[in-house]
Structures are given as C-alpha cells and as structure tokens.
C-alpha cells in the first residue's frame, strides 16, 4: 500500500484503497464494515500521533486479515498510545496492539472472517 499524507482525509483514502486490495483476495467472509472501521480507526490514531505520512500494510492467512498502520515518526518517540477503543471492540477483531520502535509508531489488528471461523 502507498503512503498517505497525514491529514484529515488519510483514513478515508486508506480505507478505500485497502478495501480494493482485499477485494482481490479470497476472503469472502471478511466483515467489510469491521475491516473499514478498523482501517479508519488505526489511520486516525496514526495521524493524531503526529508525523507527515502514514502507511497501511495488509496481509492475509488462514481466513484472517492483518492491518498494520505506521506513522513513520522517528523523532521524539513517545509511546504510540492505545489502539482506539472503537477498533478493539469490533466483533471480528481477534487481537490488536501497538508498538514503538526506530521506524515510528505502529498500530495493528487481526480480523478473522465474519462467520468467526478460522481453519485449525
């Protein structure tokens, strides 16, 4: 995924592009509402934490989709802050978290398919 300028439109742009990317994958049971809300919430958190750009990274495996958002803020690395509450409580969120390192802040969430199924 490309990087986005960290502004008030970043979440909308990122969610749209992320949805197009995931639509090409074989994730028919992914809850689109939860996915879009997760991308929106994580990008908003990254923008609020500072920096000039944010990037969204996606991965899928075993009927799960990982969304990671980085704000690439290397100066003055304060704590990334918590994952937004509206993301953590989504029905299909299996896990979520955040970290801070030399690349900046990262917020992530792992979403399972909307039916709650995961292969053994």
N, C-alpha and C. Protein backbone atom coordinates (compact mmCIF):
# COMPACT_ATOMS: atom_id res chain seq x y z
N UNK A 1 0.84 -1.18 0.00
CA UNK A 1 0.00 0.00 0.00
C UNK A 1 0.89 1.24 0.00
N UNK A 2 0.46 2.26 -0.66
CA UNK A 2 1.22 3.50 -0.66
C UNK A 2 1.10 4.24 0.67
N UNK A 3 1.94 5.22 0.82
CA UNK A 3 1.87 6.09 1.99
C UNK A 3 0.88 7.21 1.69
N UNK A 4 0.31 7.75 2.75
CA UNK A 4 -0.66 8.84 2.64
C UNK A 4 -0.18 10.02 3.47
N UNK A 5 -0.46 11.23 3.00
CA UNK A 5 -0.16 12.40 3.80
C UNK A 5 -1.01 12.32 5.07
N UNK A 6 -0.41 12.61 6.19
CA UNK A 6 -1.11 12.53 7.48
C UNK A 6 -2.01 13.75 7.64
N UNK A 7 -3.20 13.66 7.06
CA UNK A 7 -4.16 14.75 7.16
C UNK A 7 -5.55 14.17 7.46
N UNK A 8 -6.54 15.03 7.50
CA UNK A 8 -7.88 14.57 7.90
C UNK A 8 -8.53 13.66 6.86
N UNK A 9 -8.00 13.58 5.66
CA UNK A 9 -8.55 12.72 4.63
C UNK A 9 -7.83 11.38 4.53
N UNK A 10 -6.77 11.21 5.27
CA UNK A 10 -5.95 9.99 5.16
C UNK A 10 -6.74 8.72 5.43
N UNK A 11 -7.57 8.71 6.46
CA UNK A 11 -8.31 7.50 6.81
C UNK A 11 -9.27 7.09 5.69
N UNK A 12 -9.95 8.05 5.12
CA UNK A 12 -10.89 7.74 4.04
C UNK A 12 -10.16 7.20 2.81
N UNK A 13 -9.06 7.83 2.44
CA UNK A 13 -8.29 7.37 1.29
C UNK A 13 -7.72 5.97 1.54
N UNK A 14 -7.15 5.77 2.72
CA UNK A 14 -6.54 4.48 3.06
C UNK A 14 -7.58 3.37 3.09
N UNK A 15 -8.74 3.63 3.69
CA UNK A 15 -9.78 2.61 3.77
C UNK A 15 -10.24 2.20 2.37
N UNK A 16 -10.41 3.17 1.50
CA UNK A 16 -10.83 2.86 0.13
C UNK A 16 -9.82 2.01 -0.61
N UNK A 17 -8.55 2.37 -0.52
CA UNK A 17 -7.52 1.60 -1.22
C UNK A 17 -7.34 0.23 -0.58
N UNK A 18 -7.43 0.15 0.74
CA UNK A 18 -7.30 -1.14 1.42
C UNK A 18 -8.44 -2.07 1.03
N UNK A 19 -9.65 -1.54 0.94
CA UNK A 19 -10.80 -2.35 0.54
C UNK A 19 -10.63 -2.89 -0.87
N UNK A 20 -10.11 -2.08 -1.78
CA UNK A 20 -9.85 -2.55 -3.15
C UNK A 20 -8.81 -3.66 -3.16
N UNK A 21 -7.76 -3.51 -2.36
CA UNK A 21 -6.71 -4.53 -2.31
C UNK A 21 -7.25 -5.85 -1.77
N UNK A 22 -8.01 -5.79 -0.68
CA UNK A 22 -8.52 -7.01 -0.05
C UNK A 22 -9.60 -7.67 -0.91
N UNK A 23 -10.32 -6.89 -1.70
CA UNK A 23 -11.36 -7.44 -2.57
C UNK A 23 -10.77 -8.44 -3.57
N UNK A 24 -9.50 -8.30 -3.91
CA UNK A 24 -8.84 -9.20 -4.85
C UNK A 24 -8.41 -10.51 -4.19
N UNK A 25 -8.45 -10.56 -2.87
CA UNK A 25 -8.05 -11.76 -2.15
C UNK A 25 -9.26 -12.66 -1.98
N UNK A 26 -9.02 -13.89 -1.61
CA UNK A 26 -10.11 -14.84 -1.39
C UNK A 26 -10.51 -14.80 0.08
N UNK A 27 -11.22 -13.74 0.47
CA UNK A 27 -11.70 -13.56 1.85
C UNK A 27 -13.19 -13.27 1.81
N UNK A 28 -14.00 -14.22 1.31
CA UNK A 28 -15.42 -13.92 1.12
C UNK A 28 -16.18 -13.66 2.41
N UNK A 29 -15.69 -14.12 3.54
CA UNK A 29 -16.42 -13.94 4.79
C UNK A 29 -15.89 -12.80 5.64
N UNK A 30 -14.93 -12.03 5.09
CA UNK A 30 -14.42 -10.88 5.83
C UNK A 30 -15.55 -9.87 6.02
N UNK A 31 -15.75 -9.43 7.25
CA UNK A 31 -16.78 -8.44 7.54
C UNK A 31 -16.28 -7.08 7.05
N UNK A 32 -16.87 -6.59 5.97
CA UNK A 32 -16.41 -5.35 5.34
C UNK A 32 -16.55 -4.15 6.29
N UNK A 33 -17.63 -4.09 7.03
CA UNK A 33 -17.83 -2.99 7.98
C UNK A 33 -16.72 -2.96 9.01
N UNK A 34 -16.43 -4.11 9.63
CA UNK A 34 -15.37 -4.18 10.63
C UNK A 34 -14.01 -3.82 10.01
N UNK A 35 -13.76 -4.33 8.81
CA UNK A 35 -12.48 -4.05 8.15
C UNK A 35 -12.32 -2.55 7.91
N UNK A 36 -13.31 -1.92 7.33
CA UNK A 36 -13.22 -0.49 7.04
C UNK A 36 -13.11 0.33 8.32
N UNK A 37 -13.88 -0.03 9.35
CA UNK A 37 -13.82 0.68 10.62
C UNK A 37 -12.44 0.52 11.26
N UNK A 38 -11.84 -0.67 11.14
CA UNK A 38 -10.50 -0.91 11.69
C UNK A 38 -9.46 -0.05 10.98
N UNK A 39 -9.49 -0.04 9.65
CA UNK A 39 -8.53 0.78 8.90
C UNK A 39 -8.71 2.25 9.27
N UNK A 40 -9.94 2.71 9.27
CA UNK A 40 -10.23 4.11 9.64
C UNK A 40 -9.67 4.45 11.01
N UNK A 41 -9.99 3.62 12.00
CA UNK A 41 -9.57 3.89 13.38
C UNK A 41 -8.08 3.90 13.56
N UNK A 42 -7.39 2.93 12.93
CA UNK A 42 -5.93 2.86 13.07
C UNK A 42 -5.25 4.02 12.36
N UNK A 43 -5.74 4.39 11.18
CA UNK A 43 -5.15 5.53 10.46
C UNK A 43 -5.40 6.82 11.24
N UNK A 44 -6.59 7.00 11.77
CA UNK A 44 -6.86 8.19 12.58
C UNK A 44 -5.91 8.27 13.77
N UNK A 45 -5.64 7.14 14.42
CA UNK A 45 -4.71 7.12 15.56
C UNK A 45 -3.31 7.51 15.11
N UNK A 46 -2.89 7.01 13.95
CA UNK A 46 -1.56 7.33 13.43
C UNK A 46 -1.43 8.81 13.09
N UNK A 47 -2.46 9.37 12.48
CA UNK A 47 -2.44 10.79 12.13
C UNK A 47 -2.40 11.64 13.41
N UNK A 48 -3.20 11.28 14.39
CA UNK A 48 -3.26 12.05 15.63
C UNK A 48 -1.94 12.01 16.40
N UNK A 49 -1.17 10.93 16.23
CA UNK A 49 0.10 10.79 16.95
C UNK A 49 1.21 11.63 16.33
N UNK A 50 1.00 12.14 15.14
CA UNK A 50 1.99 13.01 14.51
C UNK A 50 2.72 12.36 13.36
N UNK A 51 3.55 13.14 12.73
CA UNK A 51 4.28 12.67 11.56
C UNK A 51 3.68 13.28 10.30
N UNK A 52 4.41 13.13 9.20
CA UNK A 52 3.98 13.71 7.94
C UNK A 52 3.24 12.73 7.05
N UNK A 53 3.43 11.42 7.28
CA UNK A 53 2.76 10.44 6.44
C UNK A 53 2.44 9.19 7.24
N UNK A 54 1.48 8.43 6.73
CA UNK A 54 1.14 7.14 7.31
C UNK A 54 1.08 6.12 6.19
N UNK A 55 1.34 4.88 6.52
CA UNK A 55 1.20 3.82 5.54
C UNK A 55 0.41 2.67 6.14
N UNK A 56 -0.32 1.99 5.26
CA UNK A 56 -1.15 0.86 5.67
C UNK A 56 -0.57 -0.39 5.02
N UNK A 57 -0.39 -1.42 5.83
CA UNK A 57 0.17 -2.68 5.35
C UNK A 57 -0.85 -3.78 5.65
N UNK A 58 -1.08 -4.65 4.68
CA UNK A 58 -2.09 -5.69 4.80
C UNK A 58 -1.47 -7.06 4.53
N UNK A 59 -2.00 -8.05 5.21
CA UNK A 59 -1.58 -9.43 4.97
C UNK A 59 -2.77 -10.34 5.28
N UNK A 60 -2.80 -11.50 4.63
CA UNK A 60 -3.86 -12.46 4.94
C UNK A 60 -3.28 -13.86 5.03
N UNK A 61 -3.90 -14.64 5.90
CA UNK A 61 -3.52 -16.04 6.05
C UNK A 61 -4.58 -16.71 6.91
N UNK A 62 -4.94 -17.93 6.54
CA UNK A 62 -5.85 -18.75 7.35
C UNK A 62 -7.13 -18.02 7.73
N UNK A 63 -7.80 -17.42 6.76
CA UNK A 63 -9.08 -16.72 6.95
C UNK A 63 -8.97 -15.55 7.92
N UNK A 64 -7.80 -14.95 8.00
CA UNK A 64 -7.59 -13.77 8.84
C UNK A 64 -6.89 -12.70 8.02
N UNK A 65 -7.16 -11.44 8.36
CA UNK A 65 -6.52 -10.32 7.69
C UNK A 65 -5.84 -9.46 8.75
N UNK A 66 -4.57 -9.17 8.53
CA UNK A 66 -3.81 -8.28 9.40
C UNK A 66 -3.77 -6.90 8.79
N UNK A 67 -4.09 -5.90 9.58
CA UNK A 67 -3.98 -4.49 9.17
C UNK A 67 -2.97 -3.85 10.10
N UNK A 68 -1.91 -3.26 9.53
CA UNK A 68 -0.92 -2.53 10.33
C UNK A 68 -0.76 -1.14 9.73
N UNK A 69 -0.78 -0.14 10.60
CA UNK A 69 -0.64 1.25 10.17
C UNK A 69 0.56 1.85 10.88
N UNK A 70 1.45 2.46 10.11
CA UNK A 70 2.64 3.11 10.66
C UNK A 70 2.59 4.60 10.39
N UNK A 71 3.10 5.40 11.36
CA UNK A 71 3.13 6.84 11.12
C UNK A 71 4.53 7.35 10.81
N UNK A 72 5.54 6.50 10.82
CA UNK A 72 6.90 6.83 10.38
C UNK A 72 7.47 8.05 11.09
N UNK A 73 7.11 8.25 12.33
CA UNK A 73 7.58 9.37 13.12
C UNK A 73 8.79 8.90 13.92
N UNK A 74 9.99 9.23 13.48
CA UNK A 74 11.20 8.75 14.13
C UNK A 74 11.71 9.70 15.21
N UNK A 75 11.31 10.96 15.16
CA UNK A 75 11.78 11.94 16.14
C UNK A 75 10.90 11.90 17.39
N UNK A 76 11.54 12.00 18.54
CA UNK A 76 10.80 12.09 19.80
C UNK A 76 9.83 10.95 20.01
N UNK A 77 10.32 9.73 19.95
CA UNK A 77 9.45 8.56 20.02
C UNK A 77 8.78 8.41 21.38
N UNK A 78 7.66 9.04 21.53
CA UNK A 78 6.82 8.81 22.70
C UNK A 78 6.07 7.51 22.46
N UNK A 79 5.36 7.05 23.47
CA UNK A 79 4.55 5.85 23.34
C UNK A 79 3.50 6.05 22.25
N UNK A 80 3.22 5.00 21.51
CA UNK A 80 2.24 5.07 20.42
C UNK A 80 0.83 5.34 20.91
N UNK A 81 0.56 5.02 22.15
CA UNK A 81 -0.80 5.16 22.66
C UNK A 81 -1.59 3.90 22.34
N UNK A 82 -2.73 3.75 22.95
CA UNK A 82 -3.50 2.52 22.78
C UNK A 82 -4.17 2.42 21.41
N UNK A 83 -4.56 1.21 21.08
CA UNK A 83 -5.39 1.00 19.90
C UNK A 83 -6.74 1.67 20.20
N UNK A 84 -7.28 2.39 19.25
CA UNK A 84 -8.57 3.05 19.50
C UNK A 84 -9.63 2.06 19.98
N UNK A 85 -10.40 2.48 20.96
CA UNK A 85 -11.43 1.62 21.53
C UNK A 85 -12.44 1.13 20.52
N UNK A 86 -12.78 1.97 19.53
CA UNK A 86 -13.76 1.54 18.53
C UNK A 86 -13.22 0.43 17.64
N UNK A 87 -11.91 0.25 17.58
CA UNK A 87 -11.33 -0.86 16.83
C UNK A 87 -11.29 -2.11 17.71
N UNK A 88 -10.83 -1.95 18.93
CA UNK A 88 -10.66 -3.10 19.82
C UNK A 88 -11.96 -3.86 20.08
N UNK A 89 -13.10 -3.19 20.02
CA UNK A 89 -14.38 -3.83 20.34
C UNK A 89 -15.12 -4.39 19.12
N UNK A 90 -14.55 -4.27 17.94
CA UNK A 90 -15.23 -4.80 16.76
C UNK A 90 -15.41 -6.31 16.88
N UNK A 91 -16.53 -6.80 16.41
CA UNK A 91 -16.90 -8.21 16.55
C UNK A 91 -15.88 -9.18 15.98
N UNK A 92 -15.24 -8.84 14.86
CA UNK A 92 -14.33 -9.78 14.21
C UNK A 92 -12.86 -9.53 14.54
N UNK A 93 -12.57 -8.61 15.46
CA UNK A 93 -11.18 -8.38 15.87
C UNK A 93 -10.77 -9.51 16.80
N UNK A 94 -9.74 -10.22 16.40
CA UNK A 94 -9.22 -11.32 17.22
C UNK A 94 -8.13 -10.83 18.16
N UNK A 95 -7.34 -9.89 17.70
CA UNK A 95 -6.25 -9.34 18.52
C UNK A 95 -5.90 -7.97 17.95
N UNK A 96 -5.30 -7.13 18.80
CA UNK A 96 -4.84 -5.83 18.34
C UNK A 96 -3.77 -5.33 19.29
N UNK A 97 -3.00 -4.36 18.84
CA UNK A 97 -1.95 -3.83 19.69
C UNK A 97 -1.24 -2.67 19.02
N UNK A 98 -0.19 -2.21 19.67
CA UNK A 98 0.62 -1.12 19.12
C UNK A 98 2.04 -1.30 19.62
N UNK A 99 2.94 -0.64 18.93
CA UNK A 99 4.36 -0.69 19.31
C UNK A 99 5.04 0.58 18.84
N UNK A 100 6.19 0.84 19.43
CA UNK A 100 7.01 1.98 19.03
C UNK A 100 8.44 1.47 18.87
N UNK A 101 9.07 1.80 17.75
CA UNK A 101 10.46 1.44 17.53
C UNK A 101 11.11 2.47 16.62
N UNK A 102 12.27 2.15 16.07
CA UNK A 102 13.03 3.12 15.25
C UNK A 102 12.29 3.54 13.97
N UNK A 103 11.29 2.76 13.54
CA UNK A 103 10.51 3.11 12.36
C UNK A 103 9.36 4.05 12.68
N UNK A 104 9.08 4.26 13.95
CA UNK A 104 7.96 5.09 14.36
C UNK A 104 6.97 4.29 15.16
N UNK A 105 5.72 4.70 15.09
CA UNK A 105 4.64 4.03 15.81
C UNK A 105 3.88 3.12 14.85
N UNK A 106 3.41 2.00 15.38
CA UNK A 106 2.60 1.09 14.57
C UNK A 106 1.41 0.62 15.39
N UNK A 107 0.26 0.62 14.76
CA UNK A 107 -0.97 0.08 15.35
C UNK A 107 -1.40 -1.06 14.45
N UNK A 108 -1.86 -2.16 15.04
CA UNK A 108 -2.25 -3.31 14.23
C UNK A 108 -3.49 -3.98 14.80
N UNK A 109 -4.17 -4.68 13.92
CA UNK A 109 -5.30 -5.51 14.33
C UNK A 109 -5.39 -6.72 13.42
N UNK A 110 -5.82 -7.81 13.99
CA UNK A 110 -6.02 -9.06 13.26
C UNK A 110 -7.51 -9.35 13.26
N UNK A 111 -8.09 -9.41 12.05
CA UNK A 111 -9.52 -9.67 11.91
C UNK A 111 -9.73 -11.08 11.38
N UNK A 112 -10.65 -11.83 11.99
CA UNK A 112 -11.00 -13.16 11.49
C UNK A 112 -12.19 -13.01 10.55
N UNK A 113 -12.52 -14.08 9.84
CA UNK A 113 -13.65 -13.97 8.92
C UNK A 113 -14.94 -13.69 9.70
N UNK A 114 -15.89 -13.10 9.03
CA UNK A 114 -17.11 -12.64 9.67
C UNK A 114 -17.96 -13.73 10.28
N UNK A 115 -17.74 -14.99 9.85
CA UNK A 115 -18.51 -16.10 10.43
C UNK A 115 -17.86 -16.60 11.71
N UNK A 116 -16.70 -16.04 12.05
CA UNK A 116 -15.99 -16.46 13.25
C UNK A 116 -15.20 -17.73 13.05
N UNK A 117 -15.00 -18.11 11.79
CA UNK A 117 -14.29 -19.35 11.50
C UNK A 117 -12.83 -19.09 11.24
N UNK A 118 -12.01 -19.97 11.70
CA UNK A 118 -10.59 -19.98 11.39
C UNK A 118 -10.19 -21.44 11.21
N UNK A 119 -9.44 -21.76 10.17
CA UNK A 119 -9.03 -23.15 9.99
C UNK A 119 -8.21 -23.62 11.18
N UNK A 120 -8.24 -24.93 11.46
CA UNK A 120 -7.47 -25.45 12.61
C UNK A 120 -5.99 -25.27 12.44
